[in-house]
Structures are given as structure tokens and as C-alpha cells.
PDB file of N, CA and C in Angstrom:
ATOM      1  N   MET A   1     161.407   8.094 125.061  1.00  0.00           N
ATOM      2  CA  MET A   1     162.071   8.572 126.423  1.00  0.00           C
ATOM      3  C   MET A   1     161.593   9.614 127.961  1.00  0.00           C
ATOM      4  N   ILE A   2     160.191   9.179 128.230  1.00  0.00           N
ATOM      5  CA  ILE A   2     159.168  10.073 128.353  1.00  0.00           C
ATOM      6  C   ILE A   2     160.324  11.164 129.395  1.00  0.00           C
ATOM      7  N   LYS A   3     159.413  12.594 128.578  1.00  0.00           N
ATOM      8  CA  LYS A   3     159.611  13.844 128.856  1.00  0.00           C
ATOM      9  C   LYS A   3     159.011  14.113 131.092  1.00  0.00           C
ATOM     10  N   ASN A   4     159.346  14.977 131.155  1.00  0.00           N
ATOM     11  CA  ASN A   4     158.770  14.973 132.871  1.00  0.00           C
ATOM     12  C   ASN A   4     158.720  16.099 132.629  1.00  0.00           C
ATOM     13  N   SER A   5     157.825  16.540 131.600  1.00  0.00           N
ATOM     14  CA  SER A   5     157.173  17.698 131.059  1.00  0.00           C
ATOM     15  C   SER A   5     155.469  18.283 132.300  1.00  0.00           C
ATOM     16  N   LEU A   6     154.623  19.553 131.715  1.00  0.00           N
ATOM     17  CA  LEU A   6     154.026  19.847 133.529  1.00  0.00           C
ATOM     18  C   LEU A   6     152.351  18.863 133.141  1.00  0.00           C
ATOM     19  N   LYS A   7     152.601  18.443 131.574  1.00  0.00           N
ATOM     20  CA  LYS A   7     151.542  18.012 131.302  1.00  0.00           C
ATOM     21  C   LYS A   7     151.484  16.452 131.353  1.00  0.00           C
ATOM     22  N   HIS A   8     152.859  15.815 131.272  1.00  0.00           N
ATOM     23  CA  HIS A   8     152.667  14.547 131.890  1.00  0.00           C
ATOM     24  C   HIS A   8     152.876  14.332 133.205  1.00  0.00           C
ATOM     25  N   LYS A   9     152.435  15.694 134.090  1.00  0.00           N
ATOM     26  CA  LYS A   9     152.652  15.061 135.540  1.00  0.00           C
ATOM     27  C   LYS A   9     151.228  15.446 136.204  1.00  0.00           C
ATOM     28  N   PHE A  10     150.550  16.261 134.863  1.00  0.00           N
ATOM     29  CA  PHE A  10     148.814  16.441 135.495  1.00  0.00           C
ATOM     30  C   PHE A  10     148.417  15.283 135.082  1.00  0.00           C
ATOM     31  N   VAL A  11     149.038  14.474 133.692  1.00  0.00           N
ATOM     32  CA  VAL A  11     148.294  13.341 133.480  1.00  0.00           C
ATOM     33  C   VAL A  11     148.398  12.425 134.804  1.00  0.00           C
ATOM     34  N   ILE A  12     149.873  11.931 135.351  1.00  0.00           N
ATOM     35  CA  ILE A  12     150.039  11.546 136.848  1.00  0.00           C
ATOM     36  C   ILE A  12     149.571  11.404 137.750  1.00  0.00           C
ATOM     37  N   VAL A  13     149.225  12.845 138.353  1.00  0.00           N
ATOM     38  CA  VAL A  13     148.482  13.101 139.220  1.00  0.00           C
ATOM     39  C   VAL A  13     146.544  13.146 138.921  1.00  0.00           C
ATOM     40  N   VAL A  14     146.672  12.996 138.108  1.00  0.00           N
ATOM     41  CA  VAL A  14     145.156  13.005 137.684  1.00  0.00           C
ATOM     42  C   VAL A  14     145.103  11.443 137.418  1.00  0.00           C
ATOM     43  N   CYS A  15     145.991  10.410 137.312  1.00  0.00           N
ATOM     44  CA  CYS A  15     145.566   9.268 136.978  1.00  0.00           C
ATOM     45  C   CYS A  15     145.025   8.455 138.719  1.00  0.00           C
ATOM     46  N   ILE A  16     145.972   9.414 139.670  1.00  0.00           N
ATOM     47  CA  ILE A  16     146.677   9.514 140.986  1.00  0.00           C
ATOM     48  C   ILE A  16     145.203   8.904 141.554  1.00  0.00           C
ATOM     49  N   ILE A  17     144.540  10.505 141.241  1.00  0.00           N
ATOM     50  CA  ILE A  17     143.359  10.944 141.743  1.00  0.00           C
ATOM     51  C   ILE A  17     141.650   9.750 141.639  1.00  0.00           C
ATOM     52  N   CYS A  18     142.012   9.695 140.095  1.00  0.00           N
ATOM     53  CA  CYS A  18     140.726   8.853 140.068  1.00  0.00           C
ATOM     54  C   CYS A  18     140.960   7.675 139.992  1.00  0.00           C
ATOM     55  N   PHE A  19     142.013   6.649 140.129  1.00  0.00           N
ATOM     56  CA  PHE A  19     142.400   5.356 141.901  1.00  0.00           C
ATOM     57  C   PHE A  19     142.466   5.940 143.160  1.00  0.00           C
ATOM     58  N   ILE A  20     142.203   6.620 143.429  1.00  0.00           N
ATOM     59  CA  ILE A  20     142.149   6.981 144.638  1.00  0.00           C
ATOM     60  C   ILE A  20     140.647   6.843 144.992  1.00  0.00           C
ATOM     61  N   CYS A  21     139.834   7.407 144.325  1.00  0.00           N
ATOM     62  CA  CYS A  21     138.381   7.905 144.111  1.00  0.00           C
ATOM     63  C   CYS A  21     138.126   6.549 144.064  1.00  0.00           C
ATOM     64  N   LEU A  22     138.306   5.611 143.831  1.00  0.00           N
ATOM     65  CA  LEU A  22     137.740   4.312 142.198  1.00  0.00           C
ATOM     66  C   LEU A  22     138.063   3.589 143.945  1.00  0.00           C
ATOM     67  N   SER A  23     139.085   3.886 144.534  1.00  0.00           N
ATOM     68  CA  SER A  23     139.451   2.642 145.684  1.00  0.00           C
ATOM     69  C   SER A  23     138.069   3.218 146.737  1.00  0.00           C
ATOM     70  N   ILE A  24     137.707   4.229 146.957  1.00  0.00           N
ATOM     71  CA  ILE A  24     137.249   4.836 147.870  1.00  0.00           C
ATOM     72  C   ILE A  24     135.746   4.534 147.875  1.00  0.00           C
ATOM     73  N   VAL A  25     135.258   4.269 146.538  1.00  0.00           N
ATOM     74  CA  VAL A  25     134.066   3.758 146.263  1.00  0.00           C
ATOM     75  C   VAL A  25     134.061   2.454 146.418  1.00  0.00           C
ATOM     76  N   SER A  26     134.908   1.581 146.271  1.00  0.00           N
ATOM     77  CA  SER A  26     134.739   0.410 145.796  1.00  0.00           C
ATOM     78  C   SER A  26     134.640  -0.194 147.697  1.00  0.00           C
ATOM     79  N   ALA A  27     135.124   0.984 148.349  1.00  0.00           N
ATOM     80  CA  ALA A  27     135.820   0.162 149.791  1.00  0.00           C
ATOM     81  C   ALA A  27     134.046   0.546 150.353  1.00  0.00           C
ATOM     82  N   VAL A  28     133.703   1.572 149.998  1.00  0.00           N
ATOM     83  CA  VAL A  28     132.020   2.589 151.076  1.00  0.00           C
ATOM     84  C   VAL A  28     130.985   1.450 150.294  1.00  0.00           C
ATOM     85  N   SER A  29     131.039   0.370 149.434  1.00  0.00           N
ATOM     86  CA  SER A  29     130.008   0.224 148.570  1.00  0.00           C
ATOM     87  C   SER A  29     130.512  -1.255 148.594  1.00  0.00           C
ATOM     88  N   PHE A  30     131.590  -1.821 149.313  1.00  0.00           N
ATOM     89  CA  PHE A  30     131.870  -3.107 149.669  1.00  0.00           C
ATOM     90  C   PHE A  30     130.911  -3.380 150.952  1.00  0.00           C
ATOM     91  N   SER A  31     131.605  -2.733 151.911  1.00  0.00           N
ATOM     92  CA  SER A  31     130.888  -2.068 152.860  1.00  0.00           C
ATOM     93  C   SER A  31     129.821  -2.084 153.365  1.00  0.00           C
ATOM     94  N   ILE A  32     129.200  -1.233 152.639  1.00  0.00           N
ATOM     95  CA  ILE A  32     127.337  -0.762 152.373  1.00  0.00           C
ATOM     96  C   ILE A  32     126.707  -3.195 152.195  1.00  0.00           C
ATOM     97  N   SER A  33     127.192  -3.716 151.113  1.00  0.00           N
ATOM     98  CA  SER A  33     126.550  -4.266 150.521  1.00  0.00           C
ATOM     99  C   SER A  33     126.470  -5.593 151.833  1.00  0.00           C
ATOM    100  N   TYR A  34     127.769  -5.665 152.393  1.00  0.00           N
ATOM    101  CA  TYR A  34     128.380  -6.596 153.320  1.00  0.00           C
ATOM    102  C   TYR A  34     126.987  -6.346 154.388  1.00  0.00           C
ATOM    103  N   LYS A  35     126.876  -4.952 154.825  1.00  0.00           N
ATOM    104  CA  LYS A  35     126.073  -5.330 155.934  1.00  0.00           C
ATOM    105  C   LYS A  35     124.870  -5.564 155.229  1.00  0.00           C
ATOM    106  N   ALA A  36     124.134  -5.385 154.393  1.00  0.00           N
ATOM    107  CA  ALA A  36     123.058  -5.544 153.828  1.00  0.00           C
ATOM    108  C   ALA A  36     122.819  -7.113 153.926  1.00  0.00           C
ATOM    109  N   MET A  37     123.918  -7.414 153.729  1.00  0.00           N
ATOM    110  CA  MET A  37     123.476  -9.411 153.054  1.00  0.00           C
ATOM    111  C   MET A  37     123.690  -9.219 154.551  1.00  0.00           C
ATOM    112  N   LEU A  38     124.518  -9.018 155.470  1.00  0.00           N
ATOM    113  CA  LEU A  38     124.226  -9.793 156.677  1.00  0.00           C
ATOM    114  C   LEU A  38     123.155  -9.378 157.201  1.00  0.00           C
ATOM    115  N   SER A  39     122.589  -8.636 157.414  1.00  0.00           N
ATOM    116  CA  SER A  39     121.500  -8.528 158.090  1.00  0.00           C
ATOM    117  C   SER A  39     120.034  -9.187 157.275  1.00  0.00           C
ATOM    118  N   GLU A  40     120.183  -8.926 155.932  1.00  0.00           N
ATOM    119  CA  GLU A  40     119.612  -9.345 155.710  1.00  0.00           C
ATOM    120  C   GLU A  40     119.274 -11.046 155.961  1.00  0.00           C
ATOM    121  N   SER A  41     120.511 -11.600 155.835  1.00  0.00           N
ATOM    122  CA  SER A  41     120.908 -13.455 156.441  1.00  0.00           C
ATOM    123  C   SER A  41     120.063 -13.329 157.736  1.00  0.00           C
ATOM    124  N   THR A  42     121.195 -12.765 158.486  1.00  0.00           N
ATOM    125  CA  THR A  42     120.170 -12.817 160.170  1.00  0.00           C
ATOM    126  C   THR A  42     118.985 -13.302 159.853  1.00  0.00           C
ATOM    127  N   GLN A  43     118.710 -12.054 159.416  1.00  0.00           N
ATOM    128  CA  GLN A  43     116.827 -11.992 159.795  1.00  0.00           C
ATOM    129  C   GLN A  43     116.381 -13.412 159.283  1.00  0.00           C
ATOM    130  N   LYS A  44     117.006 -14.032 158.239  1.00  0.00           N
ATOM    131  CA  LYS A  44     116.054 -15.363 157.452  1.00  0.00           C
ATOM    132  C   LYS A  44     116.150 -15.824 157.965  1.00  0.00           C
ATOM    133  N   MET A  45     117.584 -16.080 158.744  1.00  0.00           N
ATOM    134  CA  MET A  45     117.775 -17.331 159.948  1.00  0.00           C
ATOM    135  C   MET A  45     117.526 -17.256 161.489  1.00  0.00           C
ATOM    136  N   VAL A  46     116.790 -16.129 162.070  1.00  0.00           N
ATOM    137  CA  VAL A  46     116.354 -16.395 162.738  1.00  0.00           C
ATOM    138  C   VAL A  46     114.257 -16.579 162.254  1.00  0.00           C
ATOM    139  N   GLU A  47     113.691 -16.403 161.159  1.00  0.00           N
ATOM    140  CA  GLU A  47     112.286 -16.876 160.474  1.00  0.00           C
ATOM    141  C   GLU A  47     112.725 -17.862 160.272  1.00  0.00           C
ATOM    142  N   THR A  48     113.499 -18.266 159.205  1.00  0.00           N
ATOM    143  CA  THR A  48     113.459 -20.250 159.645  1.00  0.00           C
ATOM    144  C   THR A  48     113.744 -20.745 160.884  1.00  0.00           C
ATOM    145  N   ALA A  49     114.334 -20.368 161.981  1.00  0.00           N
ATOM    146  CA  ALA A  49     114.220 -20.867 163.059  1.00  0.00           C
ATOM    147  C   ALA A  49     112.915 -20.323 163.809  1.00  0.00           C
ATOM    148  N   GLY A  50     111.929 -19.484 163.896  1.00  0.00           N
ATOM    149  CA  GLY A  50     110.835 -19.487 164.954  1.00  0.00           C
ATOM    150  C   GLY A  50     109.922 -20.123 164.013  1.00  0.00           C
ATOM    151  N   LYS A  51     109.790 -20.641 162.793  1.00  0.00           N
ATOM    152  CA  LYS A  51     109.804 -21.614 162.111  1.00  0.00           C
ATOM    153  C   LYS A  51     109.479 -22.384 162.700  1.00  0.00           C
ATOM    154  N   ASN A  52     111.081 -23.842 162.593  1.00  0.00           N
ATOM    155  CA  ASN A  52     111.218 -24.361 162.913  1.00  0.00           C
ATOM    156  C   ASN A  52     110.950 -24.741 164.371  1.00  0.00           C
ATOM    157  N   ALA A  53     110.897 -23.771 165.224  1.00  0.00           N
ATOM    158  CA  ALA A  53     110.684 -23.993 166.512  1.00  0.00           C
ATOM    159  C   ALA A  53     109.281 -24.466 166.206  1.00  0.00           C
ATOM    160  N   GLU A  54     108.381 -23.148 166.327  1.00  0.00           N
ATOM    161  CA  GLU A  54     106.669 -23.492 165.955  1.00  0.00           C
ATOM    162  C   GLU A  54     106.368 -25.187 165.703  1.00  0.00           C
ATOM    163  N   LYS A  55     107.087 -25.447 164.259  1.00  0.00           N
ATOM    164  CA  LYS A  55     106.730 -27.018 164.098  1.00  0.00           C
ATOM    165  C   LYS A  55     106.878 -28.053 165.261  1.00  0.00           C
ATOM    166  N   ASN A  56     108.225 -28.145 166.009  1.00  0.00           N
ATOM    167  CA  ASN A  56     108.184 -28.829 167.257  1.00  0.00           C
ATOM    168  C   ASN A  56     106.769 -28.619 168.186  1.00  0.00           C
TER     169      ASN A  56
END
């Protein structure tokens, strides 16, 4: 049986804080990566459309 000692509560709180921090970092990283990929894809599509328009 697990004792509800101060050490046990401390470990649980530290684990929860680590999980929250990792979640926030993951969400921010995903958001930045998504925006960068969207911007790069849009730029490449515009360049390709411009090149195709010049050929015609």
C-alpha cells in the first residue's frame, strides 16, 4: 500500500508540473511549426503559379 507521505505528494506534484510544462512546450512548438510550414507552402504555391502563368 502506498503511503501518503510528504515525499509521495511532492513526487506527484513534480510529475504534474513536468507534464504541464511538456504539454505547453509541445503546443507552442506545434503552433510555430504549423505556421512556418503553412507560410512556406503558400509561398512556394504562389511562385509556382507565377511561373506557370508566365509560360502560358
